[in-house]
């Protein structure tokens, strides 16, 4: 199923109204995003597992002018720095990897 730009905007607005999204601010622009803590297993198999927890926020593509690595961003009221911007395959949304300043 394909979701177009207007579908994503409506879905994120519904999530925000239901209290399921977070405010994401970059510069003077605030949008709704989905905040997630993802656990990534770096080594596996015969090696001892190394696990990393990453903070990620998912937003619609193109809605945050100036979004790039190193940019200061606020997510849910907390300050972060953009570590990396990772687009989804269809380009409709991006994952923003975060780190604390």
C-alpha atoms as a PDB file:
ATOM      1  CA  UNK A   1       0.000   0.000   0.000  1.00  0.00           C
ATOM      2  CA  UNK A   2       1.351   3.403  -0.973  1.00  0.00           C
ATOM      3  CA  UNK A   3       0.887   6.389   1.305  1.00  0.00           C
ATOM      4  CA  UNK A   4       1.073   9.771  -0.354  1.00  0.00           C
ATOM      5  CA  UNK A   5       2.251  13.040   1.151  1.00  0.00           C
ATOM      6  CA  UNK A   6      -1.258  14.085   2.239  1.00  0.00           C
ATOM      7  CA  UNK A   7      -1.854  10.659   3.847  1.00  0.00           C
ATOM      8  CA  UNK A   8       1.299  10.952   5.949  1.00  0.00           C
ATOM      9  CA  UNK A   9       0.409  14.497   7.003  1.00  0.00           C
ATOM     10  CA  UNK A  10      -3.068  13.353   8.090  1.00  0.00           C
ATOM     11  CA  UNK A  11      -1.757  10.289   9.948  1.00  0.00           C
ATOM     12  CA  UNK A  12       0.818  12.347  11.873  1.00  0.00           C
ATOM     13  CA  UNK A  13      -1.841  14.973  12.706  1.00  0.00           C
ATOM     14  CA  UNK A  14      -4.141  12.231  14.050  1.00  0.00           C
ATOM     15  CA  UNK A  15      -1.291  10.835  16.167  1.00  0.00           C
ATOM     16  CA  UNK A  16      -0.542  14.285  17.564  1.00  0.00           C
ATOM     17  CA  UNK A  17      -4.214  14.832  18.433  1.00  0.00           C
ATOM     18  CA  UNK A  18      -4.291  11.471  20.227  1.00  0.00           C
ATOM     19  CA  UNK A  19      -1.100  12.284  22.159  1.00  0.00           C
ATOM     20  CA  UNK A  20       0.964   9.729  20.247  1.00  0.00           C
ATOM     21  CA  UNK A  21       3.459  11.997  18.551  1.00  0.00           C
ATOM     22  CA  UNK A  22       6.170  14.358  19.746  1.00  0.00           C
ATOM     23  CA  UNK A  23       6.981  17.922  18.760  1.00  0.00           C
ATOM     24  CA  UNK A  24      10.130  18.074  16.621  1.00  0.00           C
ATOM     25  CA  UNK A  25      11.664  21.539  16.199  1.00  0.00           C
ATOM     26  CA  UNK A  26      14.485  22.597  13.909  1.00  0.00           C
ATOM     27  CA  UNK A  27      15.127  26.310  13.594  1.00  0.00           C
ATOM     28  CA  UNK A  28      11.708  27.968  13.579  1.00  0.00           C
ATOM     29  CA  UNK A  29       9.812  24.954  12.226  1.00  0.00           C
ATOM     30  CA  UNK A  30       7.913  22.511  14.450  1.00  0.00           C
ATOM     31  CA  UNK A  31       6.357  19.299  13.119  1.00  0.00           C
ATOM     32  CA  UNK A  32       4.993  16.082  14.604  1.00  0.00           C
ATOM     33  CA  UNK A  33       7.247  13.050  14.684  1.00  0.00           C
ATOM     34  CA  UNK A  34       7.418   9.569  16.157  1.00  0.00           C
ATOM     35  CA  UNK A  35      10.131   9.067  18.782  1.00  0.00           C
ATOM     36  CA  UNK A  36      11.694   5.640  19.166  1.00  0.00           C
ATOM     37  CA  UNK A  37      14.546   4.009  21.038  1.00  0.00           C
ATOM     38  CA  UNK A  38      15.921   1.273  18.834  1.00  0.00           C
ATOM     39  CA  UNK A  39      18.184  -1.446  20.152  1.00  0.00           C
ATOM     40  CA  UNK A  40      20.810  -2.571  17.664  1.00  0.00           C
ATOM     41  CA  UNK A  41      22.893  -5.709  18.125  1.00  0.00           C
ATOM     42  CA  UNK A  42      26.286  -4.951  16.599  1.00  0.00           C
ATOM     43  CA  UNK A  43      28.050  -8.295  17.026  1.00  0.00           C
ATOM     44  CA  UNK A  44      26.391 -11.683  17.141  1.00  0.00           C
ATOM     45  CA  UNK A  45      27.039 -15.331  16.463  1.00  0.00           C
ATOM     46  CA  UNK A  46      30.084 -16.723  18.259  1.00  0.00           C
ATOM     47  CA  UNK A  47      31.142 -13.277  19.478  1.00  0.00           C
ATOM     48  CA  UNK A  48      29.749 -11.700  22.653  1.00  0.00           C
ATOM     49  CA  UNK A  49      26.856  -9.431  21.746  1.00  0.00           C
ATOM     50  CA  UNK A  50      27.434  -5.695  21.739  1.00  0.00           C
ATOM     51  CA  UNK A  51      24.152  -3.855  22.034  1.00  0.00           C
ATOM     52  CA  UNK A  52      23.626  -0.184  21.311  1.00  0.00           C
ATOM     53  CA  UNK A  53      20.471   1.801  22.070  1.00  0.00           C
ATOM     54  CA  UNK A  54      19.854   4.600  19.604  1.00  0.00           C
ATOM     55  CA  UNK A  55      17.338   7.401  19.813  1.00  0.00           C
ATOM     56  CA  UNK A  56      15.536   7.956  16.528  1.00  0.00           C
ATOM     57  CA  UNK A  57      12.747  10.285  15.470  1.00  0.00           C
ATOM     58  CA  UNK A  58      10.714   9.629  12.329  1.00  0.00           C
ATOM     59  CA  UNK A  59       9.308  12.612  10.383  1.00  0.00           C
ATOM     60  CA  UNK A  60       7.871  13.328   6.976  1.00  0.00           C
ATOM     61  CA  UNK A  61      10.518  14.116   4.346  1.00  0.00           C
ATOM     62  CA  UNK A  62      11.064  17.725   3.374  1.00  0.00           C
ATOM     63  CA  UNK A  63       9.237  19.338   6.297  1.00  0.00           C
ATOM     64  CA  UNK A  64      12.305  20.482   8.260  1.00  0.00           C
ATOM     65  CA  UNK A  65      14.386  22.959   6.249  1.00  0.00           C
ATOM     66  CA  UNK A  66      18.075  22.688   7.116  1.00  0.00           C
ATOM     67  CA  UNK A  67      17.856  19.100   8.371  1.00  0.00           C
ATOM     68  CA  UNK A  68      21.379  17.694   8.169  1.00  0.00           C
ATOM     69  CA  UNK A  69      24.029  16.026  10.298  1.00  0.00           C
ATOM     70  CA  UNK A  70      25.222  18.324  13.084  1.00  0.00           C
ATOM     71  CA  UNK A  71      22.033  20.422  13.238  1.00  0.00           C
ATOM     72  CA  UNK A  72      20.600  21.272  16.665  1.00  0.00           C
ATOM     73  CA  UNK A  73      17.101  19.789  17.045  1.00  0.00           C
ATOM     74  CA  UNK A  74      14.538  19.571  19.847  1.00  0.00           C
ATOM     75  CA  UNK A  75      12.454  16.409  20.221  1.00  0.00           C
ATOM     76  CA  UNK A  76       9.718  16.252  22.830  1.00  0.00           C
ATOM     77  CA  UNK A  77      11.289  19.205  24.651  1.00  0.00           C
ATOM     78  CA  UNK A  78      14.772  17.640  24.870  1.00  0.00           C
ATOM     79  CA  UNK A  79      17.805  19.008  23.023  1.00  0.00           C
ATOM     80  CA  UNK A  80      19.653  16.759  20.575  1.00  0.00           C
ATOM     81  CA  UNK A  81      22.082  16.986  17.687  1.00  0.00           C
ATOM     82  CA  UNK A  82      21.304  15.259  14.389  1.00  0.00           C
ATOM     83  CA  UNK A  83      23.733  12.383  13.982  1.00  0.00           C
ATOM     84  CA  UNK A  84      22.461  11.187  10.611  1.00  0.00           C
ATOM     85  CA  UNK A  85      19.399  11.490   8.357  1.00  0.00           C
ATOM     86  CA  UNK A  86      18.278   8.134   6.947  1.00  0.00           C
ATOM     87  CA  UNK A  87      15.529   8.161   4.290  1.00  0.00           C
ATOM     88  CA  UNK A  88      13.078   5.298   3.963  1.00  0.00           C
ATOM     89  CA  UNK A  89      13.071   3.459   0.634  1.00  0.00           C
ATOM     90  CA  UNK A  90      10.116   5.362  -0.815  1.00  0.00           C
ATOM     91  CA  UNK A  91      11.440   8.742   0.363  1.00  0.00           C
ATOM     92  CA  UNK A  92       8.171   9.780   2.027  1.00  0.00           C
ATOM     93  CA  UNK A  93       9.645   9.775   5.545  1.00  0.00           C
ATOM     94  CA  UNK A  94      13.075   9.917   7.145  1.00  0.00           C
ATOM     95  CA  UNK A  95      14.614   8.500  10.317  1.00  0.00           C
ATOM     96  CA  UNK A  96      16.737  11.011  12.186  1.00  0.00           C
ATOM     97  CA  UNK A  97      19.430   9.435  14.354  1.00  0.00           C
ATOM     98  CA  UNK A  98      20.019  11.624  17.422  1.00  0.00           C
ATOM     99  CA  UNK A  99      22.724  12.186  20.000  1.00  0.00           C
ATOM    100  CA  UNK A 100      22.764  14.351  23.081  1.00  0.00           C
ATOM    101  CA  UNK A 101      24.762  17.570  22.742  1.00  0.00           C
END
